[in-house]
C-alpha atoms as a PDB file:
ATOM      1  CA  MET A   1      15.940  10.620  -9.654  1.00  0.00           C
ATOM      2  CA  SER A   2      13.884  12.081  -6.867  1.00  0.00           C
ATOM      3  CA  THR A   3      12.264  10.018  -4.123  1.00  0.00           C
ATOM      4  CA  LEU A   4       9.393  10.705  -1.728  1.00  0.00           C
ATOM      5  CA  LYS A   5      11.977  11.172   1.055  1.00  0.00           C
ATOM      6  CA  ASP A   6      13.409  14.244  -0.757  1.00  0.00           C
ATOM      7  CA  VAL A   7      10.085  16.052  -1.298  1.00  0.00           C
ATOM      8  CA  LYS A   8       9.577  19.327   0.580  1.00  0.00           C
ATOM      9  CA  ILE A   9       6.685  19.721   3.041  1.00  0.00           C
ATOM     10  CA  GLY A  10       3.568  21.123   1.376  1.00  0.00           C
ATOM     11  CA  SER A  11       4.417  19.705  -2.063  1.00  0.00           C
ATOM     12  CA  THR A  12       2.264  17.432  -4.186  1.00  0.00           C
ATOM     13  CA  VAL A  13       4.061  14.910  -6.387  1.00  0.00           C
ATOM     14  CA  THR A  14       3.127  12.048  -8.706  1.00  0.00           C
ATOM     15  CA  VAL A  15       4.461   8.538  -8.093  1.00  0.00           C
ATOM     16  CA  LYS A  16       6.637   7.418 -11.015  1.00  0.00           C
ATOM     17  CA  LYS A  17       7.664   3.970  -9.783  1.00  0.00           C
ATOM     18  CA  ILE A  18       8.196   1.852  -6.684  1.00  0.00           C
ATOM     19  CA  ALA A  19      11.713   0.419  -6.667  1.00  0.00           C
ATOM     20  CA  GLY A  20      11.359  -2.189  -3.893  1.00  0.00           C
ATOM     21  CA  GLU A  21      10.851  -5.911  -4.268  1.00  0.00           C
ATOM     22  CA  GLY A  22       8.438  -8.480  -2.881  1.00  0.00           C
ATOM     23  CA  PRO A  23       6.660  -7.869   0.442  1.00  0.00           C
ATOM     24  CA  VAL A  24       7.896  -4.269   0.866  1.00  0.00           C
ATOM     25  CA  LYS A  25       6.628  -3.196  -2.567  1.00  0.00           C
ATOM     26  CA  ARG A  26       3.370  -5.109  -2.013  1.00  0.00           C
ATOM     27  CA  ARG A  27       2.772  -3.376   1.359  1.00  0.00           C
ATOM     28  CA  ILE A  28       3.345   0.073  -0.152  1.00  0.00           C
ATOM     29  CA  MET A  29       0.959  -0.699  -3.005  1.00  0.00           C
ATOM     30  CA  ASP A  30      -1.625  -2.042  -0.520  1.00  0.00           C
ATOM     31  CA  MET A  31      -1.506   1.363   1.222  1.00  0.00           C
ATOM     32  CA  GLY A  32      -2.713   2.942  -2.033  1.00  0.00           C
ATOM     33  CA  ILE A  33       0.625   4.254  -3.260  1.00  0.00           C
ATOM     34  CA  THR A  34       0.727   3.111  -6.876  1.00  0.00           C
ATOM     35  CA  LYS A  35       2.174   4.441 -10.129  1.00  0.00           C
ATOM     36  CA  GLY A  36       0.498   7.663 -11.254  1.00  0.00           C
ATOM     37  CA  VAL A  37      -1.162   8.502  -7.913  1.00  0.00           C
ATOM     38  CA  GLN A  38      -0.758  11.996  -6.417  1.00  0.00           C
ATOM     39  CA  VAL A  39       0.896  12.235  -2.998  1.00  0.00           C
ATOM     40  CA  TYR A  40       0.788  15.368  -0.824  1.00  0.00           C
ATOM     41  CA  VAL A  41       3.541  15.637   1.808  1.00  0.00           C
ATOM     42  CA  ARG A  42       1.902  16.980   5.003  1.00  0.00           C
ATOM     43  CA  LYS A  43       4.783  16.916   7.451  1.00  0.00           C
ATOM     44  CA  VAL A  44       7.991  15.212   8.462  1.00  0.00           C
ATOM     45  CA  ALA A  45       8.717  14.214  12.054  1.00  0.00           C
ATOM     46  CA  PRO A  46      11.558  16.149  13.790  1.00  0.00           C
ATOM     47  CA  LEU A  47      14.125  13.419  13.168  1.00  0.00           C
ATOM     48  CA  GLY A  48      12.858  12.816   9.633  1.00  0.00           C
ATOM     49  CA  ASP A  49      11.027   9.580  10.389  1.00  0.00           C
ATOM     50  CA  PRO A  50       8.156   9.009   9.631  1.00  0.00           C
ATOM     51  CA  VAL A  51       6.891  11.148   6.765  1.00  0.00           C
ATOM     52  CA  GLU A  52       3.171  12.037   6.876  1.00  0.00           C
ATOM     53  CA  VAL A  53       1.436  12.097   3.500  1.00  0.00           C
ATOM     54  CA  THR A  54      -2.085  12.298   2.087  1.00  0.00           C
ATOM     55  CA  VAL A  55      -2.880   9.702  -0.596  1.00  0.00           C
ATOM     56  CA  ARG A  56      -6.286   9.122  -2.239  1.00  0.00           C
ATOM     57  CA  GLY A  57      -7.965  11.314   0.388  1.00  0.00           C
ATOM     58  CA  TYR A  58      -6.578   9.636   3.491  1.00  0.00           C
ATOM     59  CA  GLU A  59      -3.605  10.336   5.736  1.00  0.00           C
ATOM     60  CA  LEU A  60      -0.708   7.947   5.977  1.00  0.00           C
ATOM     61  CA  SER A  61       2.639   7.788   7.778  1.00  0.00           C
ATOM     62  CA  ILE A  62       5.483   6.025   6.036  1.00  0.00           C
ATOM     63  CA  ARG A  63       8.968   5.211   7.217  1.00  0.00           C
ATOM     64  CA  LYS A  64      11.877   7.060   5.662  1.00  0.00           C
ATOM     65  CA  ALA A  65      13.271   3.736   4.405  1.00  0.00           C
ATOM     66  CA  ASP A  66      10.008   3.093   2.519  1.00  0.00           C
ATOM     67  CA  ALA A  67       9.851   6.677   1.216  1.00  0.00           C
ATOM     68  CA  GLU A  68      13.328   6.200  -0.294  1.00  0.00           C
ATOM     69  CA  ILE A  69      12.138   3.501  -2.697  1.00  0.00           C
ATOM     70  CA  ILE A  70       9.185   5.535  -4.041  1.00  0.00           C
ATOM     71  CA  GLU A  71      10.313   7.488  -7.104  1.00  0.00           C
ATOM     72  CA  VAL A  72       8.338  10.670  -7.756  1.00  0.00           C
ATOM     73  CA  GLU A  73       8.199  13.548 -10.207  1.00  0.00           C
END
């Protein structure tokens, strides 16, 4: 299983599933990260947190903890 946290910079992946529960999962889905959507990893901050991605044509920064629960392929 690969998560968004493991994706290399410059890669585009497809979201397979969001593993979180309740408010965390809801917040991620509200940001436009849903099953089947393509996510492009733009850059990762020096200490690994946050991860900058492009989703549905807009840029987004997500915490490493949130990136860990997003399964990708």
